[in-house]
Amino acid sequence: MFDWSPVFLSMRVALTALVIVVVCGTLVARFMARHDFPGKDVVEGIFTLPLVLPPVVTGFVLLVLVGRAGPLGRFLGAMNVQILFTLWAAILAAVVVSFPLMYQSAKAAFLSVEEGLEDAARTLGAGETRVFLTVTVPLAWPGLVAGTVLAFARALGEFGATAMVAGNIPGKTTTVPLAIYFLAEAGELRAAGAYAILISLASLLLIVALNVWTRRRAPGWKTRRSR
């Protein structure tokens, strides 16, 4: 009998992380694209560090931060909030590893938007929120969509950091990547293979859909199709 609980849990983790990443990544990227300040390069390096660090190292850093002896762990413990080895730990890991993809895509998209268009909207009386929603976001939309898709795929496939901070608790923190690893360790290759095929197909469909959508938005696509 195929156990669907890791699939549903992975989708729940990935979708929750995606909402956080899209909102925070978009706002942070917009600020970083339009402002300069001392130490900006260091801050950007921290934002993108999870892209180059092994996921286990990222998970270890999170473990230190939110553990009982860590700064965040002590603060949360004072409020009787437990993060480690819960669903929220899996979500936290997914947020941290997928944030750089959303941030980089969103920042590149915002940098491609001509600042003069935003200035023109302000001259006409539009406030910052209206400028952002009606001018900046529509022009940066392709990059934001790309970042969203890539961040979701990354969150869906996260393993190393999740294993460090959430563990492998069936029905509670066992996502598909964790299920694949422990099933393979137990010699249950058919079950592990089924999960591997499922998550691979899901990620492939996302990437293909993004590629098709991007190609159709390219200048001259309708003209080429009509020939």
N, C-alpha and C. Protein backbone atom coordinates (compact mmCIF):
# COMPACT_ATOMS: atom_id res chain seq x y z
N MET A 1 0.85 -1.20 0.00
CA MET A 1 0.00 0.00 0.00
C MET A 1 0.89 1.26 0.00
N PHE A 2 0.70 2.10 -1.01
CA PHE A 2 1.51 3.30 -1.12
C PHE A 2 1.10 4.32 -0.06
N ASP A 3 2.10 4.82 0.68
CA ASP A 3 1.84 5.80 1.74
C ASP A 3 1.94 7.21 1.16
N TRP A 4 0.81 7.89 1.12
CA TRP A 4 0.78 9.23 0.54
C TRP A 4 1.11 10.33 1.54
N SER A 5 1.27 9.98 2.81
CA SER A 5 1.48 11.02 3.82
C SER A 5 2.74 11.85 3.58
N PRO A 6 3.89 11.24 3.15
CA PRO A 6 5.04 12.10 2.85
C PRO A 6 4.80 13.07 1.71
N VAL A 7 3.99 12.64 0.74
CA VAL A 7 3.67 13.52 -0.40
C VAL A 7 2.86 14.72 0.08
N PHE A 8 1.80 14.44 0.83
CA PHE A 8 0.96 15.53 1.34
C PHE A 8 1.75 16.45 2.27
N LEU A 9 2.62 15.85 3.09
CA LEU A 9 3.43 16.64 4.01
C LEU A 9 4.41 17.52 3.24
N SER A 10 5.03 16.96 2.20
CA SER A 10 5.97 17.75 1.38
C SER A 10 5.27 18.92 0.71
N MET A 11 4.06 18.68 0.20
CA MET A 11 3.31 19.75 -0.45
C MET A 11 2.94 20.82 0.56
N ARG A 12 2.55 20.41 1.75
CA ARG A 12 2.20 21.38 2.79
C ARG A 12 3.40 22.22 3.18
N VAL A 13 4.55 21.57 3.36
CA VAL A 13 5.77 22.28 3.72
C VAL A 13 6.19 23.23 2.60
N ALA A 14 6.20 22.73 1.37
CA ALA A 14 6.66 23.53 0.23
C ALA A 14 5.74 24.72 -0.02
N LEU A 15 4.43 24.53 0.06
CA LEU A 15 3.50 25.62 -0.20
C LEU A 15 3.55 26.68 0.89
N THR A 16 3.66 26.23 2.15
CA THR A 16 3.77 27.20 3.25
C THR A 16 5.06 27.99 3.14
N ALA A 17 6.15 27.29 2.87
CA ALA A 17 7.44 27.97 2.70
C ALA A 17 7.38 28.92 1.51
N LEU A 18 6.69 28.52 0.45
CA LEU A 18 6.62 29.35 -0.75
C LEU A 18 5.94 30.69 -0.46
N VAL A 19 4.86 30.66 0.29
CA VAL A 19 4.16 31.90 0.63
C VAL A 19 5.10 32.85 1.37
N ILE A 20 5.83 32.32 2.34
CA ILE A 20 6.76 33.14 3.11
C ILE A 20 7.88 33.67 2.23
N VAL A 21 8.42 32.80 1.39
CA VAL A 21 9.56 33.17 0.54
C VAL A 21 9.16 34.20 -0.51
N VAL A 22 7.99 34.02 -1.12
CA VAL A 22 7.55 34.96 -2.16
C VAL A 22 7.34 36.35 -1.58
N VAL A 23 6.67 36.43 -0.44
CA VAL A 23 6.41 37.73 0.18
C VAL A 23 7.72 38.38 0.64
N CYS A 24 8.48 37.65 1.44
CA CYS A 24 9.73 38.22 1.99
C CYS A 24 10.77 38.44 0.90
N GLY A 25 10.92 37.46 0.01
CA GLY A 25 11.92 37.59 -1.05
C GLY A 25 11.63 38.74 -1.99
N THR A 26 10.37 38.95 -2.32
CA THR A 26 10.00 40.04 -3.21
C THR A 26 10.26 41.40 -2.56
N LEU A 27 9.84 41.55 -1.32
CA LEU A 27 10.02 42.83 -0.63
C LEU A 27 11.50 43.13 -0.38
N VAL A 28 12.26 42.13 0.05
CA VAL A 28 13.69 42.34 0.31
C VAL A 28 14.42 42.64 -1.00
N ALA A 29 14.08 41.91 -2.05
CA ALA A 29 14.73 42.13 -3.35
C ALA A 29 14.44 43.53 -3.88
N ARG A 30 13.21 43.98 -3.70
CA ARG A 30 12.85 45.34 -4.16
C ARG A 30 13.67 46.39 -3.41
N PHE A 31 13.81 46.21 -2.10
CA PHE A 31 14.60 47.16 -1.31
C PHE A 31 16.07 47.13 -1.74
N MET A 32 16.64 45.94 -1.90
CA MET A 32 18.05 45.82 -2.23
C MET A 32 18.33 46.31 -3.65
N ALA A 33 17.36 46.20 -4.53
CA ALA A 33 17.56 46.66 -5.91
C ALA A 33 17.54 48.17 -6.04
N ARG A 34 16.93 48.85 -5.08
CA ARG A 34 16.76 50.30 -5.19
C ARG A 34 17.54 51.09 -4.15
N HIS A 35 18.27 50.42 -3.26
CA HIS A 35 18.98 51.13 -2.21
C HIS A 35 20.42 50.63 -2.09
N ASP A 36 21.32 51.55 -1.80
CA ASP A 36 22.70 51.22 -1.50
C ASP A 36 23.01 51.66 -0.07
N PHE A 37 23.83 50.87 0.61
CA PHE A 37 24.20 51.20 1.99
C PHE A 37 25.48 50.46 2.33
N PRO A 38 26.21 50.93 3.34
CA PRO A 38 27.45 50.25 3.73
C PRO A 38 27.19 48.80 4.14
N GLY A 39 28.01 47.90 3.63
CA GLY A 39 27.84 46.49 3.97
C GLY A 39 26.81 45.76 3.14
N LYS A 40 26.34 46.39 2.08
CA LYS A 40 25.31 45.76 1.25
C LYS A 40 25.80 44.44 0.66
N ASP A 41 27.05 44.40 0.22
CA ASP A 41 27.58 43.18 -0.38
C ASP A 41 27.61 42.03 0.63
N VAL A 42 27.90 42.36 1.87
CA VAL A 42 27.93 41.32 2.92
C VAL A 42 26.52 40.79 3.16
N VAL A 43 25.55 41.70 3.23
CA VAL A 43 24.17 41.28 3.45
C VAL A 43 23.69 40.39 2.31
N GLU A 44 23.99 40.79 1.08
CA GLU A 44 23.60 39.97 -0.06
C GLU A 44 24.30 38.62 -0.04
N GLY A 45 25.54 38.61 0.42
CA GLY A 45 26.25 37.35 0.54
C GLY A 45 25.57 36.40 1.52
N ILE A 46 25.07 36.97 2.63
CA ILE A 46 24.36 36.15 3.62
C ILE A 46 23.06 35.62 3.03
N PHE A 47 22.35 36.46 2.28
CA PHE A 47 21.09 36.04 1.67
C PHE A 47 21.28 34.85 0.73
N THR A 48 22.38 34.87 -0.02
CA THR A 48 22.59 33.84 -1.04
C THR A 48 23.50 32.71 -0.57
N LEU A 49 24.00 32.77 0.63
CA LEU A 49 24.91 31.75 1.14
C LEU A 49 24.34 30.33 1.09
N PRO A 50 23.06 30.12 1.40
CA PRO A 50 22.52 28.75 1.32
C PRO A 50 22.63 28.11 -0.06
N LEU A 51 22.83 28.91 -1.11
CA LEU A 51 22.99 28.35 -2.45
C LEU A 51 24.30 27.58 -2.59
N VAL A 52 25.33 28.01 -1.88
CA VAL A 52 26.65 27.40 -2.04
C VAL A 52 27.04 26.51 -0.86
N LEU A 53 26.37 26.66 0.25
CA LEU A 53 26.67 25.81 1.40
C LEU A 53 26.01 24.44 1.22
N PRO A 54 26.66 23.37 1.66
CA PRO A 54 25.97 22.07 1.69
C PRO A 54 24.73 22.18 2.57
N PRO A 55 23.61 21.58 2.16
CA PRO A 55 22.38 21.69 2.96
C PRO A 55 22.56 21.24 4.41
N VAL A 56 23.44 20.25 4.64
CA VAL A 56 23.67 19.79 6.01
C VAL A 56 24.29 20.91 6.85
N VAL A 57 25.18 21.69 6.24
CA VAL A 57 25.79 22.81 6.97
C VAL A 57 24.73 23.86 7.29
N THR A 58 23.87 24.14 6.32
CA THR A 58 22.77 25.07 6.57
C THR A 58 21.89 24.56 7.70
N GLY A 59 21.60 23.26 7.67
CA GLY A 59 20.79 22.67 8.74
C GLY A 59 21.47 22.75 10.09
N PHE A 60 22.79 22.58 10.12
CA PHE A 60 23.53 22.67 11.38
C PHE A 60 23.45 24.08 11.94
N VAL A 61 23.60 25.09 11.07
CA VAL A 61 23.50 26.48 11.52
C VAL A 61 22.11 26.74 12.11
N LEU A 62 21.08 26.25 11.44
CA LEU A 62 19.71 26.41 11.96
C LEU A 62 19.56 25.68 13.29
N LEU A 63 20.16 24.51 13.38
CA LEU A 63 20.09 23.73 14.62
C LEU A 63 20.70 24.50 15.79
N VAL A 64 21.83 25.16 15.52
CA VAL A 64 22.49 25.96 16.56
C VAL A 64 21.63 27.16 16.93
N LEU A 65 21.02 27.80 15.94
CA LEU A 65 20.24 29.01 16.19
C LEU A 65 18.95 28.74 16.95
N VAL A 66 18.23 27.68 16.55
CA VAL A 66 16.91 27.43 17.16
C VAL A 66 16.94 26.34 18.21
N GLY A 67 18.13 25.77 18.46
CA GLY A 67 18.24 24.79 19.54
C GLY A 67 18.04 25.43 20.90
N ARG A 68 17.93 24.61 21.91
CA ARG A 68 17.64 25.13 23.26
C ARG A 68 18.71 26.10 23.75
N ALA A 69 19.96 25.88 23.35
CA ALA A 69 21.04 26.75 23.80
C ALA A 69 21.29 27.90 22.83
N GLY A 70 20.61 27.92 21.70
CA GLY A 70 20.81 28.97 20.71
C GLY A 70 20.06 30.24 21.06
N PRO A 71 20.43 31.36 20.45
CA PRO A 71 19.77 32.64 20.77
C PRO A 71 18.28 32.63 20.47
N LEU A 72 17.91 32.11 19.30
CA LEU A 72 16.48 32.04 18.98
C LEU A 72 15.79 30.96 19.80
N GLY A 73 16.50 29.88 20.04
CA GLY A 73 15.92 28.79 20.82
C GLY A 73 15.57 29.21 22.23
N ARG A 74 16.47 29.98 22.87
CA ARG A 74 16.19 30.46 24.23
C ARG A 74 15.01 31.42 24.24
N PHE A 75 14.96 32.28 23.22
CA PHE A 75 13.86 33.24 23.13
C PHE A 75 12.52 32.52 22.95
N LEU A 76 12.50 31.54 22.04
CA LEU A 76 11.27 30.79 21.80
C LEU A 76 10.91 29.92 23.00
N GLY A 77 11.95 29.37 23.65
CA GLY A 77 11.69 28.54 24.82
C GLY A 77 11.05 29.32 25.95
N ALA A 78 11.40 30.59 26.07
CA ALA A 78 10.80 31.43 27.10
C ALA A 78 9.31 31.62 26.86
N MET A 79 8.89 31.46 25.60
CA MET A 79 7.46 31.57 25.26
C MET A 79 6.81 30.21 25.08
N ASN A 80 7.54 29.16 25.50
CA ASN A 80 7.05 27.78 25.39
C ASN A 80 6.73 27.39 23.95
N VAL A 81 7.57 27.85 23.03
CA VAL A 81 7.42 27.51 21.61
C VAL A 81 8.54 26.56 21.22
N GLN A 82 8.16 25.40 20.67
CA GLN A 82 9.13 24.40 20.25
C GLN A 82 9.18 24.36 18.72
N ILE A 83 10.38 24.51 18.18
CA ILE A 83 10.57 24.49 16.72
C ILE A 83 11.21 23.20 16.24
N LEU A 84 12.29 22.80 16.91
CA LEU A 84 13.02 21.62 16.47
C LEU A 84 12.14 20.38 16.44
N PHE A 85 12.31 19.58 15.38
CA PHE A 85 11.62 18.30 15.20
C PHE A 85 10.11 18.45 15.18
N THR A 86 9.67 19.54 14.56
CA THR A 86 8.25 19.77 14.32
C THR A 86 8.07 20.12 12.85
N LEU A 87 6.82 20.23 12.43
CA LEU A 87 6.53 20.63 11.06
C LEU A 87 7.12 22.00 10.75
N TRP A 88 7.12 22.90 11.73
CA TRP A 88 7.65 24.24 11.50
C TRP A 88 9.15 24.24 11.28
N ALA A 89 9.83 23.24 11.82
CA ALA A 89 11.26 23.11 11.55
C ALA A 89 11.49 22.75 10.09
N ALA A 90 10.66 21.88 9.55
CA ALA A 90 10.76 21.52 8.13
C ALA A 90 10.45 22.72 7.25
N ILE A 91 9.47 23.52 7.65
CA ILE A 91 9.12 24.72 6.90
C ILE A 91 10.26 25.73 6.96
N LEU A 92 10.86 25.89 8.13
CA LEU A 92 11.99 26.81 8.29
C LEU A 92 13.15 26.41 7.38
N ALA A 93 13.46 25.13 7.34
CA ALA A 93 14.53 24.65 6.48
C ALA A 93 14.22 24.93 5.02
N ALA A 94 12.98 24.69 4.62
CA ALA A 94 12.57 24.93 3.23
C ALA A 94 12.65 26.41 2.88
N VAL A 95 12.27 27.26 3.82
CA VAL A 95 12.33 28.71 3.59
C VAL A 95 13.77 29.15 3.37
N VAL A 96 14.66 28.70 4.23
CA VAL A 96 16.06 29.16 4.18
C VAL A 96 16.73 28.72 2.88
N VAL A 97 16.51 27.48 2.45
CA VAL A 97 17.23 27.00 1.25
C VAL A 97 16.60 27.51 -0.04
N SER A 98 15.31 27.87 -0.02
CA SER A 98 14.67 28.33 -1.26
C SER A 98 14.66 29.85 -1.39
N PHE A 99 14.87 30.56 -0.30
CA PHE A 99 14.86 32.03 -0.33
C PHE A 99 15.86 32.61 -1.34
N PRO A 100 17.11 32.11 -1.42
CA PRO A 100 18.06 32.71 -2.36
C PRO A 100 17.60 32.68 -3.81
N LEU A 101 16.91 31.63 -4.21
CA LEU A 101 16.44 31.53 -5.59
C LEU A 101 15.38 32.59 -5.88
N MET A 102 14.46 32.78 -4.94
CA MET A 102 13.44 33.81 -5.12
C MET A 102 14.07 35.19 -5.07
N TYR A 103 14.98 35.38 -4.15
CA TYR A 103 15.61 36.68 -3.99
C TYR A 103 16.39 37.08 -5.24
N GLN A 104 17.20 36.19 -5.75
CA GLN A 104 18.02 36.52 -6.91
C GLN A 104 17.17 36.79 -8.15
N SER A 105 16.15 35.96 -8.36
CA SER A 105 15.29 36.16 -9.53
C SER A 105 14.52 37.47 -9.42
N ALA A 106 14.00 37.75 -8.22
CA ALA A 106 13.23 38.98 -8.02
C ALA A 106 14.12 40.21 -8.14
N LYS A 107 15.31 40.14 -7.59
CA LYS A 107 16.20 41.30 -7.67
C LYS A 107 16.58 41.59 -9.12
N ALA A 108 16.92 40.55 -9.87
CA ALA A 108 17.26 40.74 -11.28
C ALA A 108 16.08 41.33 -12.05
N ALA A 109 14.88 40.89 -11.70
CA ALA A 109 13.68 41.41 -12.37
C ALA A 109 13.48 42.89 -12.05
N PHE A 110 13.66 43.26 -10.79
CA PHE A 110 13.48 44.66 -10.40
C PHE A 110 14.56 45.56 -11.00
N LEU A 111 15.77 45.05 -11.12
CA LEU A 111 16.84 45.83 -11.72
C LEU A 111 16.59 46.07 -13.20
N SER A 112 15.82 45.19 -13.83
CA SER A 112 15.51 45.36 -15.25
C SER A 112 14.41 46.39 -15.50
N VAL A 113 13.72 46.79 -14.44
CA VAL A 113 12.64 47.79 -14.56
C VAL A 113 13.25 49.18 -14.58
N GLU A 114 12.92 49.96 -15.57
CA GLU A 114 13.43 51.32 -15.69
C GLU A 114 12.92 52.19 -14.55
N GLU A 115 13.83 52.76 -13.78
CA GLU A 115 13.44 53.58 -12.63
C GLU A 115 12.66 54.82 -13.08
N GLY A 116 12.91 55.28 -14.31
CA GLY A 116 12.18 56.45 -14.80
C GLY A 116 10.68 56.23 -14.87
N LEU A 117 10.27 54.99 -15.11
CA LEU A 117 8.83 54.69 -15.16
C LEU A 117 8.22 54.82 -13.76
N GLU A 118 8.96 54.39 -12.76
CA GLU A 118 8.48 54.53 -11.39
C GLU A 118 8.44 56.00 -10.99
N ASP A 119 9.45 56.74 -11.39
CA ASP A 119 9.49 58.18 -11.08
C ASP A 119 8.32 58.90 -11.75
N ALA A 120 8.00 58.50 -12.96
CA ALA A 120 6.88 59.13 -13.67
C ALA A 120 5.56 58.88 -12.94
N ALA A 121 5.39 57.68 -12.42
CA ALA A 121 4.17 57.36 -11.67
C ALA A 121 4.09 58.18 -10.39
N ARG A 122 5.23 58.38 -9.74
CA ARG A 122 5.25 59.20 -8.53
C ARG A 122 4.92 60.65 -8.87
N THR A 123 5.43 61.12 -9.98
CA THR A 123 5.14 62.50 -10.41
C THR A 123 3.65 62.71 -10.63
N LEU A 124 2.98 61.65 -11.08
CA LEU A 124 1.54 61.74 -11.32
C LEU A 124 0.72 61.58 -10.04
N GLY A 125 1.41 61.42 -8.91
CA GLY A 125 0.71 61.38 -7.63
C GLY A 125 0.54 60.01 -7.02
N ALA A 126 1.11 58.99 -7.62
CA ALA A 126 0.97 57.64 -7.07
C ALA A 126 1.89 57.46 -5.86
N GLY A 127 1.37 56.82 -4.84
CA GLY A 127 2.17 56.52 -3.66
C GLY A 127 3.09 55.34 -3.92
N GLU A 128 3.99 55.07 -2.97
CA GLU A 128 4.96 54.00 -3.15
C GLU A 128 4.30 52.63 -3.32
N THR A 129 3.26 52.38 -2.55
CA THR A 129 2.58 51.09 -2.66
C THR A 129 1.93 50.93 -4.03
N ARG A 130 1.29 51.99 -4.50
CA ARG A 130 0.64 51.93 -5.81
C ARG A 130 1.67 51.80 -6.93
N VAL A 131 2.78 52.51 -6.81
CA VAL A 131 3.84 52.39 -7.81
C VAL A 131 4.35 50.95 -7.87
N PHE A 132 4.54 50.37 -6.70
CA PHE A 132 5.06 49.01 -6.64
C PHE A 132 4.08 48.01 -7.26
N LEU A 133 2.79 48.15 -6.94
CA LEU A 133 1.81 47.18 -7.39
C LEU A 133 1.38 47.37 -8.83
N THR A 134 1.36 48.61 -9.30
CA THR A 134 0.83 48.87 -10.64
C THR A 134 1.90 49.11 -11.71
N VAL A 135 3.12 49.40 -11.28
CA VAL A 135 4.19 49.64 -12.25
C VAL A 135 5.31 48.59 -12.13
N THR A 136 5.88 48.50 -10.94
CA THR A 136 7.05 47.64 -10.76
C THR A 136 6.72 46.16 -10.93
N VAL A 137 5.72 45.68 -10.19
CA VAL A 137 5.40 44.25 -10.24
C VAL A 137 4.97 43.79 -11.63
N PRO A 138 4.08 44.50 -12.32
CA PRO A 138 3.72 44.03 -13.68
C PRO A 138 4.92 43.95 -14.62
N LEU A 139 5.86 44.88 -14.52
CA LEU A 139 7.02 44.85 -15.40
C LEU A 139 8.02 43.78 -15.00
N ALA A 140 8.06 43.48 -13.72
CA ALA A 140 9.01 42.47 -13.22
C ALA A 140 8.38 41.08 -13.13
N TRP A 141 7.14 40.95 -13.60
CA TRP A 141 6.37 39.72 -13.40
C TRP A 141 7.07 38.45 -13.88
N PRO A 142 7.67 38.43 -15.09
CA PRO A 142 8.32 37.18 -15.54
C PRO A 142 9.39 36.69 -14.57
N GLY A 143 10.21 37.59 -14.07
CA GLY A 143 11.25 37.20 -13.13
C GLY A 143 10.68 36.71 -11.81
N LEU A 144 9.59 37.32 -11.38
CA LEU A 144 8.96 36.90 -10.13
C LEU A 144 8.35 35.51 -10.27
N VAL A 145 7.75 35.24 -11.41
CA VAL A 145 7.18 33.91 -11.66
C VAL A 145 8.28 32.86 -11.69
N ALA A 146 9.37 33.18 -12.38
CA ALA A 146 10.50 32.24 -12.45
C ALA A 146 11.04 31.94 -11.06
N GLY A 147 11.21 32.97 -10.26
CA GLY A 147 11.70 32.77 -8.90
C GLY A 147 10.75 31.94 -8.06
N THR A 148 9.46 32.15 -8.25
CA THR A 148 8.45 31.39 -7.50
C THR A 148 8.51 29.91 -7.84
N VAL A 149 8.59 29.60 -9.12
CA VAL A 149 8.65 28.20 -9.55
C VAL A 149 9.92 27.52 -9.04
N LEU A 150 11.05 28.18 -9.20
CA LEU A 150 12.32 27.60 -8.75
C LEU A 150 12.35 27.42 -7.24
N ALA A 151 11.82 28.40 -6.51
CA ALA A 151 11.80 28.30 -5.05
C ALA A 151 10.91 27.15 -4.59
N PHE A 152 9.77 26.97 -5.26
CA PHE A 152 8.88 25.87 -4.89
C PHE A 152 9.54 24.52 -5.15
N ALA A 153 10.18 24.39 -6.31
CA ALA A 153 10.85 23.13 -6.63
C ALA A 153 11.96 22.84 -5.62
N ARG A 154 12.68 23.87 -5.23
CA ARG A 154 13.76 23.69 -4.24
C ARG A 154 13.20 23.31 -2.88
N ALA A 155 12.14 23.96 -2.47
CA ALA A 155 11.53 23.64 -1.18
C ALA A 155 10.96 22.21 -1.18
N LEU A 156 10.42 21.81 -2.31
CA LEU A 156 9.84 20.46 -2.41
C LEU A 156 10.90 19.38 -2.29
N GLY A 157 12.11 19.66 -2.78
CA GLY A 157 13.16 18.66 -2.76
C GLY A 157 14.17 18.78 -1.64
N GLU A 158 13.92 19.65 -0.69
CA GLU A 158 14.89 19.85 0.40
C GLU A 158 15.04 18.60 1.27
N PHE A 159 16.30 18.27 1.57
CA PHE A 159 16.57 17.08 2.38
C PHE A 159 17.52 17.36 3.55
N GLY A 160 18.74 17.84 3.25
CA GLY A 160 19.78 17.93 4.26
C GLY A 160 19.44 18.77 5.47
N ALA A 161 19.01 20.00 5.22
CA ALA A 161 18.67 20.90 6.33
C ALA A 161 17.46 20.38 7.10
N THR A 162 16.50 19.80 6.36
CA THR A 162 15.30 19.25 7.01
C THR A 162 15.66 18.12 7.94
N ALA A 163 16.56 17.24 7.51
CA ALA A 163 16.97 16.11 8.35
C ALA A 163 17.63 16.59 9.64
N MET A 164 18.36 17.70 9.56
CA MET A 164 19.07 18.20 10.73
C MET A 164 18.13 18.81 11.77
N VAL A 165 17.14 19.58 11.32
CA VAL A 165 16.31 20.33 12.28
C VAL A 165 14.94 19.71 12.52
N ALA A 166 14.46 18.90 11.57
CA ALA A 166 13.12 18.33 11.72
C ALA A 166 13.14 16.84 12.01
N GLY A 167 14.23 16.16 11.62
CA GLY A 167 14.31 14.73 11.85
C GLY A 167 13.38 13.95 10.93
N ASN A 168 13.22 12.68 11.24
CA ASN A 168 12.38 11.79 10.44
C ASN A 168 11.29 11.18 11.32
N ILE A 169 10.25 11.96 11.54
CA ILE A 169 9.14 11.52 12.38
C ILE A 169 7.96 11.21 11.46
N PRO A 170 7.61 9.93 11.26
CA PRO A 170 6.54 9.55 10.33
C PRO A 170 5.23 10.29 10.61
N GLY A 171 4.67 10.85 9.55
CA GLY A 171 3.40 11.56 9.68
C GLY A 171 3.53 12.96 10.24
N LYS A 172 4.75 13.34 10.64
CA LYS A 172 4.93 14.65 11.27
C LYS A 172 6.00 15.48 10.56
N THR A 173 7.14 14.87 10.26
CA THR A 173 8.21 15.61 9.58
C THR A 173 8.81 14.83 8.41
N THR A 174 8.30 13.64 8.13
CA THR A 174 8.86 12.82 7.05
C THR A 174 8.37 13.32 5.70
N THR A 175 9.17 14.11 5.04
CA THR A 175 8.84 14.58 3.69
C THR A 175 9.30 13.52 2.68
N VAL A 176 8.99 13.74 1.41
CA VAL A 176 9.35 12.76 0.38
C VAL A 176 10.86 12.51 0.31
N PRO A 177 11.71 13.55 0.28
CA PRO A 177 13.16 13.27 0.25
C PRO A 177 13.63 12.43 1.44
N LEU A 178 13.11 12.71 2.62
CA LEU A 178 13.49 11.92 3.79
C LEU A 178 12.99 10.48 3.65
N ALA A 179 11.77 10.33 3.15
CA ALA A 179 11.22 8.99 2.96
C ALA A 179 12.07 8.19 1.98
N ILE A 180 12.51 8.83 0.91
CA ILE A 180 13.36 8.15 -0.09
C ILE A 180 14.65 7.66 0.56
N TYR A 181 15.28 8.53 1.32
CA TYR A 181 16.56 8.18 1.94
C TYR A 181 16.42 7.00 2.90
N PHE A 182 15.46 7.06 3.80
CA PHE A 182 15.36 6.02 4.82
C PHE A 182 14.79 4.72 4.26
N LEU A 183 13.95 4.81 3.22
CA LEU A 183 13.48 3.58 2.58
C LEU A 183 14.63 2.90 1.84
N ALA A 184 15.48 3.70 1.18
CA ALA A 184 16.64 3.13 0.50
C ALA A 184 17.60 2.50 1.51
N GLU A 185 17.78 3.17 2.66
CA GLU A 185 18.64 2.62 3.71
C GLU A 185 18.10 1.28 4.23
N ALA A 186 16.79 1.15 4.24
CA ALA A 186 16.17 -0.08 4.73
C ALA A 186 16.07 -1.15 3.64
N GLY A 187 16.53 -0.83 2.44
CA GLY A 187 16.49 -1.81 1.36
C GLY A 187 15.17 -1.87 0.61
N GLU A 188 14.25 -0.97 0.91
CA GLU A 188 12.95 -0.95 0.22
C GLU A 188 13.06 -0.05 -1.02
N LEU A 189 13.74 -0.59 -2.02
CA LEU A 189 14.07 0.22 -3.19
C LEU A 189 12.86 0.53 -4.06
N ARG A 190 11.89 -0.36 -4.12
CA ARG A 190 10.71 -0.09 -4.94
C ARG A 190 9.93 1.10 -4.40
N ALA A 191 9.73 1.11 -3.09
CA ALA A 191 8.99 2.23 -2.48
C ALA A 191 9.78 3.52 -2.63
N ALA A 192 11.10 3.45 -2.41
CA ALA A 192 11.94 4.64 -2.57
C ALA A 192 11.91 5.13 -4.01
N GLY A 193 11.95 4.18 -4.96
CA GLY A 193 11.90 4.54 -6.37
C GLY A 193 10.60 5.20 -6.76
N ALA A 194 9.50 4.74 -6.18
CA ALA A 194 8.19 5.34 -6.48
C ALA A 194 8.15 6.80 -6.04
N TYR A 195 8.65 7.06 -4.84
CA TYR A 195 8.71 8.45 -4.36
C TYR A 195 9.67 9.29 -5.22
N ALA A 196 10.80 8.69 -5.61
CA ALA A 196 11.77 9.43 -6.42
C ALA A 196 11.18 9.81 -7.77
N ILE A 197 10.47 8.87 -8.38
CA ILE A 197 9.82 9.17 -9.67
C ILE A 197 8.77 10.25 -9.52
N LEU A 198 8.01 10.17 -8.44
CA LEU A 198 6.93 11.14 -8.21
C LEU A 198 7.48 12.55 -8.05
N ILE A 199 8.49 12.72 -7.22
CA ILE A 199 9.02 14.06 -6.98
C ILE A 199 9.80 14.57 -8.20
N SER A 200 10.43 13.65 -8.94
CA SER A 200 11.15 14.04 -10.15
C SER A 200 10.16 14.54 -11.22
N LEU A 201 9.04 13.83 -11.37
CA LEU A 201 8.03 14.25 -12.34
C LEU A 201 7.42 15.60 -11.96
N ALA A 202 7.16 15.79 -10.67
CA ALA A 202 6.59 17.06 -10.22
C ALA A 202 7.54 18.21 -10.51
N SER A 203 8.82 18.02 -10.22
CA SER A 203 9.81 19.08 -10.48
C SER A 203 9.97 19.32 -11.97
N LEU A 204 9.98 18.23 -12.76
CA LEU A 204 10.12 18.36 -14.21
C LEU A 204 8.95 19.13 -14.81
N LEU A 205 7.76 18.82 -14.36
CA LEU A 205 6.57 19.52 -14.88
C LEU A 205 6.64 21.01 -14.57
N LEU A 206 7.11 21.35 -13.39
CA LEU A 206 7.24 22.76 -13.03
C LEU A 206 8.24 23.47 -13.94
N ILE A 207 9.38 22.84 -14.17
CA ILE A 207 10.41 23.46 -15.00
C ILE A 207 9.94 23.57 -16.45
N VAL A 208 9.29 22.53 -16.96
CA VAL A 208 8.78 22.57 -18.34
C VAL A 208 7.73 23.66 -18.49
N ALA A 209 6.82 23.74 -17.52
CA ALA A 209 5.79 24.77 -17.57
C ALA A 209 6.41 26.17 -17.56
N LEU A 210 7.44 26.35 -16.75
CA LEU A 210 8.12 27.64 -16.71
C LEU A 210 8.79 27.95 -18.04
N ASN A 211 9.45 26.96 -18.63
CA ASN A 211 10.11 27.17 -19.91
C ASN A 211 9.12 27.51 -21.02
N VAL A 212 8.00 26.80 -21.04
CA VAL A 212 6.97 27.08 -22.06
C VAL A 212 6.39 28.47 -21.87
N TRP A 213 6.10 28.82 -20.62
CA TRP A 213 5.52 30.13 -20.34
C TRP A 213 6.50 31.24 -20.72
N THR A 214 7.79 31.04 -20.39
CA THR A 214 8.80 32.04 -20.72
C THR A 214 8.95 32.18 -22.24
N ARG A 215 8.95 31.06 -22.95
CA ARG A 215 9.12 31.10 -24.40
C ARG A 215 7.94 31.80 -25.07
N ARG A 216 6.75 31.57 -24.54
CA ARG A 216 5.57 32.19 -25.15
C ARG A 216 5.51 33.68 -24.90
N ARG A 217 6.19 34.13 -23.86
CA ARG A 217 6.22 35.56 -23.59
C ARG A 217 7.34 36.27 -24.35
N ALA A 218 8.21 35.49 -24.98
CA ALA A 218 9.34 36.09 -25.69
C ALA A 218 8.84 36.90 -26.89
N PRO A 219 9.49 38.04 -27.19
CA PRO A 219 9.09 38.85 -28.33
C PRO A 219 9.14 38.05 -29.63
N GLY A 220 8.08 38.21 -30.43
CA GLY A 220 8.05 37.55 -31.73
C GLY A 220 7.54 36.13 -31.71
N TRP A 221 7.11 35.61 -30.52
CA TRP A 221 6.66 34.22 -30.46
C TRP A 221 5.41 34.01 -31.29
N LYS A 222 4.45 34.92 -31.18
CA LYS A 222 3.22 34.76 -31.95
C LYS A 222 3.49 34.86 -33.45
N THR A 223 4.43 35.73 -33.81
CA THR A 223 4.77 35.85 -35.23
C THR A 223 5.40 34.58 -35.75
N ARG A 224 6.31 33.98 -34.98
CA ARG A 224 6.94 32.74 -35.40
C ARG A 224 5.94 31.62 -35.50
N ARG A 225 4.97 31.55 -34.57
CA ARG A 225 3.98 30.50 -34.57
C ARG A 225 3.06 30.60 -35.78
N SER A 226 2.83 31.79 -36.25
CA SER A 226 1.89 31.99 -37.36
C SER A 226 2.51 31.66 -38.71
N ARG A 227 3.82 31.54 -38.77
CA ARG A 227 4.50 31.27 -40.04
C ARG A 227 4.33 29.81 -40.46
